[in-house]
Amino acid sequence: MLDTSARLLRLLSLLQAHRDWSGADLADRLGVTPRTVRRDVDRLRELGYPVHSTPGTAGGYRLGAGAELPPLLLDDEEAVAVAVGLRTAAAGGVEGIEETSVRALAKLEQVLPHRLQRRVAALNAFTVPMLGTPRDSRVDADTLSELAHACRDSHRLRFEYAAHDGTLSRRTVEPHRLVSARRCWYLVAWDVDRADWRTFRADRITPTPPHGPRFTPRTPPAEDLAAYVSEGVSTRAYADRATVLLRVPLAEAADRVSPYAGVLEAVDEHSCLLRTGAHGLDAMVIHIVLLGFDFEIREPPELRDRVREVRDLLSRALG
């Protein structure tokens, strides 16, 4: 009986790790006959696991989706990753998911082996989040799911959008991708009425169904959508923009310039370009100077003039 139970667990682990298995491959892995594999598959079905099979020489077995969620087998690394991910989600940026994450984490930690409990506990005890997600930037979980489904199924979306100043507008878009940042979720979509690509804060979207019809996906505005969104929120969103040469390697600059503060591009092994924006030249000067790097302003000329004025002001203060 013990051998049979252990074999069933091993069979379930194989089915969860690989999409399709032939009966012969499973029999070889388990060291049994194909007939025994068929009997074990029937036992898994009795336990509620939806194992699908196709007959013939090209047939095999596949673990499908059922009406209820059956128990899952996780290896050590997967279990630790899920536990850490659930704890992060409990303080994350999706409204309404915190309590669910805590419940799931409690169930998982209850059954974790002691050696894994120690690893998860160490990660939790010695990891300090710098900032949580502000309450007013958390996106409703149902809204996020609705946006993701529209992206997947290529369905037009209709929604009401609240701008930064609270102004409301109605939008019809062809959604392409959701981009997750540390504090916010963004929807990259083709705005039908404006005939251009736009980036929308997901927490400012209120869907107004019915949606549709289906559309043929367009070529996205950039290959790297994370960089595209970063440039949008750090540069394109501002009236005052600048390009600055930083005389440090890209990796060193990236330690101080977050995706919300600007977009970096390597020039050579000793320097990189920073593209950034701000509400006014004074704020931009302060931001660039406080980075602490040697720099050269490429554009705009007005920023160079403002730096000279600040230089003269500081010189008089020291004189």
C-alpha atoms as a PDB file:
ATOM      1  CA  MET A   1       0.000   0.000   0.000  1.00  0.00           C
ATOM      2  CA  LEU A   2       2.852   2.362   0.856  1.00  0.00           C
ATOM      3  CA  ASP A   3       4.532   1.653  -2.471  1.00  0.00           C
ATOM      4  CA  THR A   4       1.286   2.339  -4.313  1.00  0.00           C
ATOM      5  CA  SER A   5       0.737   5.666  -2.475  1.00  0.00           C
ATOM      6  CA  ALA A   6       4.291   6.766  -3.105  1.00  0.00           C
ATOM      7  CA  ARG A   7       3.952   5.833  -6.760  1.00  0.00           C
ATOM      8  CA  LEU A   8       0.705   7.831  -7.053  1.00  0.00           C
ATOM      9  CA  LEU A   9       2.441  10.895  -5.620  1.00  0.00           C
ATOM     10  CA  ARG A  10       5.323  10.417  -8.035  1.00  0.00           C
ATOM     11  CA  LEU A  11       2.899  10.052 -10.960  1.00  0.00           C
ATOM     12  CA  LEU A  12       1.038  13.204  -9.917  1.00  0.00           C
ATOM     13  CA  SER A  13       4.315  15.104  -9.663  1.00  0.00           C
ATOM     14  CA  LEU A  14       5.281  14.034 -13.190  1.00  0.00           C
ATOM     15  CA  LEU A  15       1.896  15.076 -14.602  1.00  0.00           C
ATOM     16  CA  GLN A  16       2.137  18.492 -12.932  1.00  0.00           C
ATOM     17  CA  ALA A  17       5.682  19.083 -14.172  1.00  0.00           C
ATOM     18  CA  HIS A  18       5.104  18.246 -17.855  1.00  0.00           C
ATOM     19  CA  ARG A  19       2.208  19.033 -20.178  1.00  0.00           C
ATOM     20  CA  ASP A  20       1.986  15.719 -22.075  1.00  0.00           C
ATOM     21  CA  TRP A  21       3.247  12.232 -21.259  1.00  0.00           C
ATOM     22  CA  SER A  22       3.009   9.017 -23.230  1.00  0.00           C
ATOM     23  CA  GLY A  23       2.030   5.902 -21.317  1.00  0.00           C
ATOM     24  CA  ALA A  24       5.369   4.294 -22.153  1.00  0.00           C
ATOM     25  CA  ASP A  25       7.347   7.276 -20.817  1.00  0.00           C
ATOM     26  CA  LEU A  26       5.398   7.287 -17.563  1.00  0.00           C
ATOM     27  CA  ALA A  27       5.838   3.537 -17.166  1.00  0.00           C
ATOM     28  CA  ASP A  28       9.589   3.915 -17.741  1.00  0.00           C
ATOM     29  CA  ARG A  29       9.876   6.744 -15.205  1.00  0.00           C
ATOM     30  CA  LEU A  30       7.909   4.845 -12.559  1.00  0.00           C
ATOM     31  CA  GLY A  31       9.438   1.452 -13.261  1.00  0.00           C
ATOM     32  CA  VAL A  32       6.069  -0.226 -13.828  1.00  0.00           C
ATOM     33  CA  THR A  33       4.036  -1.587 -16.741  1.00  0.00           C
ATOM     34  CA  PRO A  34       1.739   0.584 -18.903  1.00  0.00           C
ATOM     35  CA  ARG A  35      -1.202  -1.358 -17.415  1.00  0.00           C
ATOM     36  CA  THR A  36      -0.167  -0.231 -13.915  1.00  0.00           C
ATOM     37  CA  VAL A  37       0.040   3.339 -15.179  1.00  0.00           C
ATOM     38  CA  ARG A  38      -3.544   3.074 -16.428  1.00  0.00           C
ATOM     39  CA  ARG A  39      -4.713   1.793 -13.033  1.00  0.00           C
ATOM     40  CA  ASP A  40      -2.877   4.580 -11.206  1.00  0.00           C
ATOM     41  CA  VAL A  41      -4.374   7.179 -13.524  1.00  0.00           C
ATOM     42  CA  ASP A  42      -7.835   5.815 -12.686  1.00  0.00           C
ATOM     43  CA  ARG A  43      -7.052   6.167  -8.960  1.00  0.00           C
ATOM     44  CA  LEU A  44      -6.014   9.803  -9.466  1.00  0.00           C
ATOM     45  CA  ARG A  45      -9.303  10.449 -11.251  1.00  0.00           C
ATOM     46  CA  GLU A  46     -11.189   8.953  -8.314  1.00  0.00           C
ATOM     47  CA  LEU A  47      -9.355  11.418  -6.060  1.00  0.00           C
ATOM     48  CA  GLY A  48     -10.569  14.335  -8.177  1.00  0.00           C
ATOM     49  CA  TYR A  49      -7.586  14.954 -10.456  1.00  0.00           C
ATOM     50  CA  PRO A  50      -8.746  15.552 -14.066  1.00  0.00           C
ATOM     51  CA  VAL A  51      -6.289  13.385 -15.993  1.00  0.00           C
ATOM     52  CA  HIS A  52      -7.151  13.385 -19.700  1.00  0.00           C
ATOM     53  CA  SER A  53      -6.032  10.604 -22.004  1.00  0.00           C
ATOM     54  CA  THR A  54      -5.944  10.143 -25.782  1.00  0.00           C
ATOM     55  CA  PRO A  55      -5.803   6.659 -27.350  1.00  0.00           C
ATOM     56  CA  GLY A  56      -3.490   5.421 -30.079  1.00  0.00           C
ATOM     57  CA  THR A  57       0.254   5.344 -30.647  1.00  0.00           C
ATOM     58  CA  ALA A  58       0.459   9.133 -30.503  1.00  0.00           C
ATOM     59  CA  GLY A  59      -1.786   9.305 -27.436  1.00  0.00           C
ATOM     60  CA  GLY A  60      -0.878   9.943 -23.848  1.00  0.00           C
ATOM     61  CA  TYR A  61      -1.878  11.609 -20.594  1.00  0.00           C
ATOM     62  CA  ARG A  62      -2.340  15.229 -19.603  1.00  0.00           C
ATOM     63  CA  LEU A  63      -3.393  16.830 -16.314  1.00  0.00           C
ATOM     64  CA  GLY A  64      -6.251  19.184 -17.142  1.00  0.00           C
ATOM     65  CA  ALA A  65      -8.368  21.756 -15.332  1.00  0.00           C
ATOM     66  CA  GLY A  66     -11.255  20.464 -13.264  1.00  0.00           C
ATOM     67  CA  ALA A  67     -14.326  21.860 -11.559  1.00  0.00           C
ATOM     68  CA  GLU A  68     -12.491  22.059  -8.227  1.00  0.00           C
ATOM     69  CA  LEU A  69      -8.877  22.781  -7.318  1.00  0.00           C
ATOM     70  CA  PRO A  70      -7.091  19.553  -6.342  1.00  0.00           C
ATOM     71  CA  PRO A  71      -4.035  19.498  -4.049  1.00  0.00           C
ATOM     72  CA  LEU A  72      -0.794  20.543  -5.742  1.00  0.00           C
ATOM     73  CA  LEU A  73       2.645  19.048  -5.255  1.00  0.00           C
ATOM     74  CA  LEU A  74       5.445  21.593  -4.862  1.00  0.00           C
ATOM     75  CA  ASP A  75       9.158  20.968  -4.542  1.00  0.00           C
ATOM     76  CA  ASP A  76      11.189  22.827  -1.907  1.00  0.00           C
ATOM     77  CA  GLU A  77      12.127  25.806  -4.084  1.00  0.00           C
ATOM     78  CA  GLU A  78       8.572  26.189  -5.422  1.00  0.00           C
ATOM     79  CA  ALA A  79       7.102  26.104  -1.917  1.00  0.00           C
ATOM     80  CA  VAL A  80       9.466  28.799  -0.647  1.00  0.00           C
ATOM     81  CA  ALA A  81       8.812  30.945  -3.725  1.00  0.00           C
ATOM     82  CA  VAL A  82       5.032  30.682  -3.262  1.00  0.00           C
ATOM     83  CA  ALA A  83       5.265  31.524   0.456  1.00  0.00           C
ATOM     84  CA  VAL A  84       7.418  34.594  -0.164  1.00  0.00           C
ATOM     85  CA  GLY A  85       5.198  35.668  -3.061  1.00  0.00           C
ATOM     86  CA  LEU A  86       2.056  35.396  -0.917  1.00  0.00           C
ATOM     87  CA  ARG A  87       3.612  37.504   1.831  1.00  0.00           C
ATOM     88  CA  THR A  88       4.573  40.128  -0.731  1.00  0.00           C
ATOM     89  CA  ALA A  89       1.059  40.080  -2.190  1.00  0.00           C
ATOM     90  CA  ALA A  90      -0.391  40.598   1.282  1.00  0.00           C
ATOM     91  CA  ALA A  91       1.127  44.090   1.254  1.00  0.00           C
ATOM     92  CA  GLY A  92       0.985  44.635  -2.497  1.00  0.00           C
ATOM     93  CA  GLY A  93      -0.869  46.876  -4.877  1.00  0.00           C
ATOM     94  CA  VAL A  94      -3.994  44.844  -5.667  1.00  0.00           C
ATOM     95  CA  GLU A  95      -7.014  45.920  -3.622  1.00  0.00           C
ATOM     96  CA  GLY A  96      -8.820  43.102  -1.822  1.00  0.00           C
ATOM     97  CA  ILE A  97      -6.114  40.464  -2.272  1.00  0.00           C
ATOM     98  CA  GLU A  98      -4.336  41.065   1.050  1.00  0.00           C
ATOM     99  CA  GLU A  99      -6.691  39.015   3.243  1.00  0.00           C
ATOM    100  CA  THR A 100      -6.864  36.185   0.692  1.00  0.00           C
ATOM    101  CA  SER A 101      -3.061  36.081   0.520  1.00  0.00           C
ATOM    102  CA  VAL A 102      -2.775  35.911   4.306  1.00  0.00           C
ATOM    103  CA  ARG A 103      -5.240  32.985   4.464  1.00  0.00           C
ATOM    104  CA  ALA A 104      -3.405  31.091   1.725  1.00  0.00           C
ATOM    105  CA  LEU A 105      -0.053  31.786   3.396  1.00  0.00           C
ATOM    106  CA  ALA A 106      -1.338  30.458   6.737  1.00  0.00           C
ATOM    107  CA  LYS A 107      -2.448  27.216   5.084  1.00  0.00           C
ATOM    108  CA  LEU A 108       0.867  26.785   3.296  1.00  0.00           C
ATOM    109  CA  GLU A 109       3.060  27.536   6.331  1.00  0.00           C
ATOM    110  CA  GLN A 110       1.039  25.046   8.389  1.00  0.00           C
ATOM    111  CA  VAL A 111       2.132  22.141   6.210  1.00  0.00           C
ATOM    112  CA  LEU A 112       5.646  23.267   5.286  1.00  0.00           C
ATOM    113  CA  PRO A 113       8.440  20.984   6.535  1.00  0.00           C
ATOM    114  CA  HIS A 114      10.431  22.484   9.399  1.00  0.00           C
ATOM    115  CA  ARG A 115      13.491  23.074   7.194  1.00  0.00           C
ATOM    116  CA  LEU A 116      11.396  25.172   4.788  1.00  0.00           C
ATOM    117  CA  GLN A 117       9.619  27.020   7.605  1.00  0.00           C
ATOM    118  CA  ARG A 118      13.039  28.183   8.800  1.00  0.00           C
ATOM    119  CA  ARG A 119      13.946  29.464   5.321  1.00  0.00           C
ATOM    120  CA  VAL A 120      10.684  31.365   4.913  1.00  0.00           C
ATOM    121  CA  ALA A 121      10.911  32.738   8.456  1.00  0.00           C
ATOM    122  CA  ALA A 122      14.454  33.974   7.822  1.00  0.00           C
ATOM    123  CA  LEU A 123      13.383  35.772   4.648  1.00  0.00           C
ATOM    124  CA  ASN A 124      10.456  37.387   6.460  1.00  0.00           C
ATOM    125  CA  ALA A 125      12.432  38.364   9.555  1.00  0.00           C
ATOM    126  CA  PHE A 126      15.351  39.938   7.739  1.00  0.00           C
ATOM    127  CA  THR A 127      13.514  41.641   4.874  1.00  0.00           C
ATOM    128  CA  VAL A 128      12.188  45.157   5.475  1.00  0.00           C
ATOM    129  CA  PRO A 129       9.893  46.755   2.841  1.00  0.00           C
ATOM    130  CA  MET A 130      10.937  50.358   2.258  1.00  0.00           C
ATOM    131  CA  LEU A 131       7.488  51.573   1.234  1.00  0.00           C
ATOM    132  CA  GLY A 132       4.126  49.909   0.871  1.00  0.00           C
ATOM    133  CA  THR A 133       1.718  50.637  -1.945  1.00  0.00           C
ATOM    134  CA  PRO A 134      -0.272  53.813  -1.210  1.00  0.00           C
ATOM    135  CA  ARG A 135      -3.929  53.075  -0.544  1.00  0.00           C
ATOM    136  CA  ASP A 136      -5.073  55.492  -3.271  1.00  0.00           C
ATOM    137  CA  SER A 137      -3.034  53.693  -5.965  1.00  0.00           C
ATOM    138  CA  ARG A 138      -4.276  50.149  -5.334  1.00  0.00           C
ATOM    139  CA  VAL A 139      -6.241  48.575  -8.153  1.00  0.00           C
ATOM    140  CA  ASP A 140      -9.356  46.495  -7.604  1.00  0.00           C
ATOM    141  CA  ALA A 141      -8.642  42.791  -8.229  1.00  0.00           C
ATOM    142  CA  ASP A 142     -11.783  42.348 -10.354  1.00  0.00           C
ATOM    143  CA  THR A 143     -10.824  45.307 -12.530  1.00  0.00           C
ATOM    144  CA  LEU A 144      -7.316  43.925 -12.983  1.00  0.00           C
ATOM    145  CA  SER A 145      -8.722  40.538 -13.979  1.00  0.00           C
ATOM    146  CA  GLU A 146     -11.125  42.181 -16.447  1.00  0.00           C
ATOM    147  CA  LEU A 147      -8.264  44.112 -18.068  1.00  0.00           C
ATOM    148  CA  ALA A 148      -6.114  40.981 -18.308  1.00  0.00           C
ATOM    149  CA  HIS A 149      -8.919  38.989 -19.954  1.00  0.00           C
ATOM    150  CA  ALA A 150      -9.506  41.766 -22.499  1.00  0.00           C
ATOM    151  CA  CYS A 151      -5.780  41.741 -23.360  1.00  0.00           C
ATOM    152  CA  ARG A 152      -5.782  37.962 -23.704  1.00  0.00           C
ATOM    153  CA  ASP A 153      -8.958  37.757 -25.802  1.00  0.00           C
ATOM    154  CA  SER A 154      -8.281  40.893 -27.926  1.00  0.00           C
ATOM    155  CA  HIS A 155     -11.568  42.541 -26.948  1.00  0.00           C
ATOM    156  CA  ARG A 156     -12.028  46.293 -27.098  1.00  0.00           C
ATOM    157  CA  LEU A 157     -12.402  47.930 -23.691  1.00  0.00           C
ATOM    158  CA  ARG A 158     -14.705  50.758 -22.716  1.00  0.00           C
ATOM    159  CA  PHE A 159     -14.003  52.562 -19.472  1.00  0.00           C
ATOM    160  CA  GLU A 160     -14.125  55.843 -17.600  1.00  0.00           C
ATOM    161  CA  TYR A 161     -10.683  57.241 -16.830  1.00  0.00           C
ATOM    162  CA  ALA A 162      -9.754  59.683 -14.072  1.00  0.00           C
ATOM    163  CA  ALA A 163      -6.812  61.924 -14.966  1.00  0.00           C
ATOM    164  CA  HIS A 164      -4.267  63.123 -12.404  1.00  0.00           C
ATOM    165  CA  ASP A 165      -6.336  66.251 -11.709  1.00  0.00           C
ATOM    166  CA  GLY A 166      -9.549  64.246 -11.325  1.00  0.00           C
ATOM    167  CA  THR A 167     -10.958  65.067 -14.774  1.00  0.00           C
ATOM    168  CA  LEU A 168     -13.051  62.174 -16.109  1.00  0.00           C
ATOM    169  CA  SER A 169     -13.087  61.007 -19.726  1.00  0.00           C
ATOM    170  CA  ARG A 170     -14.582  58.054 -21.554  1.00  0.00           C
ATOM    171  CA  ARG A 171     -12.161  55.860 -23.468  1.00  0.00           C
ATOM    172  CA  THR A 172     -12.450  53.062 -25.999  1.00  0.00           C
ATOM    173  CA  VAL A 173      -9.190  51.179 -26.397  1.00  0.00           C
ATOM    174  CA  GLU A 174      -7.618  48.060 -27.835  1.00  0.00           C
ATOM    175  CA  PRO A 175      -5.758  46.670 -24.784  1.00  0.00           C
ATOM    176  CA  HIS A 176      -2.333  45.158 -25.385  1.00  0.00           C
ATOM    177  CA  ARG A 177      -0.527  44.429 -22.113  1.00  0.00           C
ATOM    178  CA  LEU A 178      -0.571  45.097 -18.383  1.00  0.00           C
ATOM    179  CA  VAL A 179       2.721  46.314 -16.906  1.00  0.00           C
ATOM    180  CA  SER A 180       3.324  45.838 -13.185  1.00  0.00           C
ATOM    181  CA  ALA A 181       5.478  48.344 -11.327  1.00  0.00           C
ATOM    182  CA  ARG A 182       6.336  48.420  -7.650  1.00  0.00           C
ATOM    183  CA  ARG A 183       3.594  50.888  -6.803  1.00  0.00           C
ATOM    184  CA  CYS A 184       1.145  50.743  -9.707  1.00  0.00           C
ATOM    185  CA  TRP A 185      -0.292  48.695 -12.546  1.00  0.00           C
ATOM    186  CA  TYR A 186      -0.432  50.208 -16.037  1.00  0.00           C
ATOM    187  CA  LEU A 187      -2.441  49.284 -19.123  1.00  0.00           C
ATOM    188  CA  VAL A 188      -0.751  49.818 -22.496  1.00  0.00           C
ATOM    189  CA  ALA A 189      -3.459  50.182 -25.143  1.00  0.00           C
ATOM    190  CA  TRP A 190      -4.309  51.706 -28.513  1.00  0.00           C
ATOM    191  CA  ASP A 191      -6.724  54.598 -27.945  1.00  0.00           C
ATOM    192  CA  VAL A 192      -9.305  54.278 -30.718  1.00  0.00           C
ATOM    193  CA  ASP A 193     -10.566  57.883 -30.585  1.00  0.00           C
ATOM    194  CA  ARG A 194      -7.088  59.426 -30.395  1.00  0.00           C
ATOM    195  CA  ALA A 195      -5.540  56.977 -32.898  1.00  0.00           C
ATOM    196  CA  ASP A 196      -2.415  56.554 -30.782  1.00  0.00           C
ATOM    197  CA  TRP A 197      -0.870  54.416 -28.074  1.00  0.00           C
ATOM    198  CA  ARG A 198      -1.616  55.441 -24.504  1.00  0.00           C
ATOM    199  CA  THR A 199      -0.620  54.291 -21.014  1.00  0.00           C
ATOM    200  CA  PHE A 200      -3.327  54.218 -18.339  1.00  0.00           C
ATOM    201  CA  ARG A 201      -3.035  53.814 -14.572  1.00  0.00           C
ATOM    202  CA  ALA A 202      -5.133  50.745 -13.805  1.00  0.00           C
ATOM    203  CA  ASP A 203      -6.343  52.133 -10.455  1.00  0.00           C
ATOM    204  CA  ARG A 204      -7.917  55.080 -12.322  1.00  0.00           C
ATOM    205  CA  ILE A 205      -9.886  52.843 -14.698  1.00  0.00           C
ATOM    206  CA  THR A 206     -13.583  52.124 -14.144  1.00  0.00           C
ATOM    207  CA  PRO A 207     -14.789  49.613 -16.764  1.00  0.00           C
ATOM    208  CA  THR A 208     -18.112  50.433 -18.433  1.00  0.00           C
ATOM    209  CA  PRO A 209     -19.261  47.257 -20.214  1.00  0.00           C
ATOM    210  CA  PRO A 210     -20.413  45.934 -22.581  1.00  0.00           C
ATOM    211  CA  HIS A 211     -17.003  45.552 -24.195  1.00  0.00           C
ATOM    212  CA  GLY A 212     -16.068  44.426 -27.673  1.00  0.00           C
ATOM    213  CA  PRO A 213     -15.900  43.728 -30.506  1.00  0.00           C
ATOM    214  CA  ARG A 214     -12.754  41.658 -31.050  1.00  0.00           C
ATOM    215  CA  PHE A 215      -9.831  43.283 -32.824  1.00  0.00           C
ATOM    216  CA  THR A 216      -6.643  42.236 -34.587  1.00  0.00           C
ATOM    217  CA  PRO A 217      -3.695  43.061 -32.294  1.00  0.00           C
ATOM    218  CA  ARG A 218      -1.413  45.843 -33.527  1.00  0.00           C
ATOM    219  CA  THR A 219       2.363  45.967 -33.442  1.00  0.00           C
ATOM    220  CA  PRO A 220       3.184  47.268 -29.930  1.00  0.00           C
ATOM    221  CA  PRO A 221       4.780  50.718 -29.527  1.00  0.00           C
ATOM    222  CA  ALA A 222       8.038  49.184 -28.249  1.00  0.00           C
ATOM    223  CA  GLU A 223       9.663  45.789 -27.816  1.00  0.00           C
ATOM    224  CA  ASP A 224      10.424  46.560 -24.172  1.00  0.00           C
ATOM    225  CA  LEU A 225       7.058  47.648 -22.784  1.00  0.00           C
ATOM    226  CA  ALA A 226       8.453  48.028 -19.266  1.00  0.00           C
ATOM    227  CA  ALA A 227      10.930  50.646 -20.549  1.00  0.00           C
ATOM    228  CA  TYR A 228       8.153  52.236 -22.611  1.00  0.00           C
ATOM    229  CA  VAL A 229       5.952  52.673 -19.535  1.00  0.00           C
ATOM    230  CA  SER A 230       8.909  53.867 -17.483  1.00  0.00           C
ATOM    231  CA  GLU A 231       9.637  56.583 -20.041  1.00  0.00           C
ATOM    232  CA  GLY A 232       5.980  57.536 -20.078  1.00  0.00           C
ATOM    233  CA  VAL A 233       5.643  58.016 -16.321  1.00  0.00           C
ATOM    234  CA  SER A 234       9.079  59.598 -15.815  1.00  0.00           C
ATOM    235  CA  THR A 235       9.470  61.733 -18.952  1.00  0.00           C
ATOM    236  CA  ARG A 236       6.556  61.978 -21.393  1.00  0.00           C
ATOM    237  CA  ALA A 237       4.125  62.850 -18.604  1.00  0.00           C
ATOM    238  CA  TYR A 238       5.928  66.168 -17.950  1.00  0.00           C
ATOM    239  CA  ALA A 239       6.025  69.384 -19.951  1.00  0.00           C
ATOM    240  CA  ASP A 240       9.688  69.999 -19.015  1.00  0.00           C
ATOM    241  CA  ARG A 241      11.998  67.246 -20.259  1.00  0.00           C
ATOM    242  CA  ALA A 242      15.750  66.848 -20.411  1.00  0.00           C
ATOM    243  CA  THR A 243      18.502  64.615 -21.728  1.00  0.00           C
ATOM    244  CA  VAL A 244      21.607  64.493 -19.540  1.00  0.00           C
ATOM    245  CA  LEU A 245      24.907  62.661 -19.993  1.00  0.00           C
ATOM    246  CA  LEU A 246      25.958  61.019 -16.724  1.00  0.00           C
ATOM    247  CA  ARG A 247      29.662  60.233 -16.497  1.00  0.00           C
ATOM    248  CA  VAL A 248      29.193  56.910 -14.703  1.00  0.00           C
ATOM    249  CA  PRO A 249      28.515  53.370 -15.946  1.00  0.00           C
ATOM    250  CA  LEU A 250      24.910  52.407 -16.541  1.00  0.00           C
ATOM    251  CA  ALA A 251      24.831  49.934 -13.644  1.00  0.00           C
ATOM    252  CA  GLU A 252      26.010  52.560 -11.160  1.00  0.00           C
ATOM    253  CA  ALA A 253      23.454  55.093 -12.379  1.00  0.00           C
ATOM    254  CA  ALA A 254      20.667  52.512 -12.173  1.00  0.00           C
ATOM    255  CA  ASP A 255      21.311  52.142  -8.437  1.00  0.00           C
ATOM    256  CA  ARG A 256      20.134  55.740  -7.927  1.00  0.00           C
ATOM    257  CA  VAL A 257      17.713  56.371 -10.806  1.00  0.00           C
ATOM    258  CA  SER A 258      14.441  54.483 -10.388  1.00  0.00           C
ATOM    259  CA  PRO A 259      12.112  53.732 -13.339  1.00  0.00           C
ATOM    260  CA  TYR A 260       9.839  56.470 -11.976  1.00  0.00           C
ATOM    261  CA  ALA A 261      12.614  59.076 -12.138  1.00  0.00           C
ATOM    262  CA  GLY A 262      13.955  58.550 -15.653  1.00  0.00           C
ATOM    263  CA  VAL A 263      15.110  56.216 -18.394  1.00  0.00           C
ATOM    264  CA  LEU A 264      18.788  55.268 -18.721  1.00  0.00           C
ATOM    265  CA  GLU A 265      20.637  54.292 -21.895  1.00  0.00           C
ATOM    266  CA  ALA A 266      24.246  53.169 -22.034  1.00  0.00           C
ATOM    267  CA  VAL A 267      26.655  55.263 -24.139  1.00  0.00           C
ATOM    268  CA  ASP A 268      29.861  53.370 -23.383  1.00  0.00           C
ATOM    269  CA  GLU A 269      31.343  51.547 -20.398  1.00  0.00           C
ATOM    270  CA  HIS A 270      31.974  54.830 -18.588  1.00  0.00           C
ATOM    271  CA  SER A 271      28.830  56.892 -19.257  1.00  0.00           C
ATOM    272  CA  CYS A 272      25.102  56.768 -19.943  1.00  0.00           C
ATOM    273  CA  LEU A 273      22.227  59.031 -20.976  1.00  0.00           C
ATOM    274  CA  LEU A 274      19.422  59.982 -18.615  1.00  0.00           C
ATOM    275  CA  ARG A 275      16.081  61.083 -20.060  1.00  0.00           C
ATOM    276  CA  THR A 276      13.844  62.586 -17.422  1.00  0.00           C
ATOM    277  CA  GLY A 277      11.077  65.090 -16.818  1.00  0.00           C
ATOM    278  CA  ALA A 278       9.801  67.313 -14.008  1.00  0.00           C
ATOM    279  CA  HIS A 279       7.290  69.980 -13.090  1.00  0.00           C
ATOM    280  CA  GLY A 280       9.659  72.886 -13.681  1.00  0.00           C
ATOM    281  CA  LEU A 281      13.368  73.385 -14.319  1.00  0.00           C
ATOM    282  CA  ASP A 282      14.209  73.988 -10.646  1.00  0.00           C
ATOM    283  CA  ALA A 283      12.946  70.558  -9.654  1.00  0.00           C
ATOM    284  CA  MET A 284      14.947  69.034 -12.497  1.00  0.00           C
ATOM    285  CA  VAL A 285      18.164  70.806 -11.433  1.00  0.00           C
ATOM    286  CA  ILE A 286      17.780  69.573  -7.864  1.00  0.00           C
ATOM    287  CA  HIS A 287      17.081  66.020  -9.012  1.00  0.00           C
ATOM    288  CA  ILE A 288      20.127  65.871 -11.305  1.00  0.00           C
ATOM    289  CA  VAL A 289      22.537  67.523  -8.841  1.00  0.00           C
ATOM    290  CA  LEU A 290      21.494  65.302  -5.953  1.00  0.00           C
ATOM    291  CA  LEU A 291      22.356  62.191  -7.968  1.00  0.00           C
ATOM    292  CA  GLY A 292      25.957  63.091  -7.156  1.00  0.00           C
ATOM    293  CA  PHE A 293      27.391  62.269 -10.595  1.00  0.00           C
ATOM    294  CA  ASP A 294      29.409  64.387 -12.977  1.00  0.00           C
ATOM    295  CA  PHE A 295      27.043  65.322 -15.785  1.00  0.00           C
ATOM    296  CA  GLU A 296      26.635  67.252 -19.012  1.00  0.00           C
ATOM    297  CA  ILE A 297      23.314  68.706 -20.102  1.00  0.00           C
ATOM    298  CA  ARG A 298      22.488  67.806 -23.691  1.00  0.00           C
ATOM    299  CA  GLU A 299      19.067  69.466 -23.843  1.00  0.00           C
ATOM    300  CA  PRO A 300      17.217  71.745 -23.375  1.00  0.00           C
ATOM    301  CA  PRO A 301      19.370  74.927 -23.451  1.00  0.00           C
ATOM    302  CA  GLU A 302      17.101  76.497 -20.830  1.00  0.00           C
ATOM    303  CA  LEU A 303      18.228  73.890 -18.322  1.00  0.00           C
ATOM    304  CA  ARG A 304      21.889  74.818 -18.890  1.00  0.00           C
ATOM    305  CA  ASP A 305      21.006  78.472 -18.272  1.00  0.00           C
ATOM    306  CA  ARG A 306      19.220  77.560 -15.045  1.00  0.00           C
ATOM    307  CA  VAL A 307      22.216  75.514 -13.833  1.00  0.00           C
ATOM    308  CA  ARG A 308      24.466  78.541 -14.430  1.00  0.00           C
ATOM    309  CA  GLU A 309      22.115  80.719 -12.383  1.00  0.00           C
ATOM    310  CA  VAL A 310      22.127  78.190  -9.540  1.00  0.00           C
ATOM    311  CA  ARG A 311      25.933  77.952  -9.763  1.00  0.00           C
ATOM    312  CA  ASP A 312      26.279  81.733  -9.439  1.00  0.00           C
ATOM    313  CA  LEU A 313      23.819  81.786  -6.545  1.00  0.00           C
ATOM    314  CA  LEU A 314      25.786  79.126  -4.678  1.00  0.00           C
ATOM    315  CA  SER A 315      29.083  80.891  -5.409  1.00  0.00           C
ATOM    316  CA  ARG A 316      27.767  84.118  -3.901  1.00  0.00           C
ATOM    317  CA  ALA A 317      26.526  82.211  -0.876  1.00  0.00           C
ATOM    318  CA  LEU A 318      29.975  80.696  -0.317  1.00  0.00           C
ATOM    319  CA  GLY A 319      31.801  83.969  -1.092  1.00  0.00           C
END
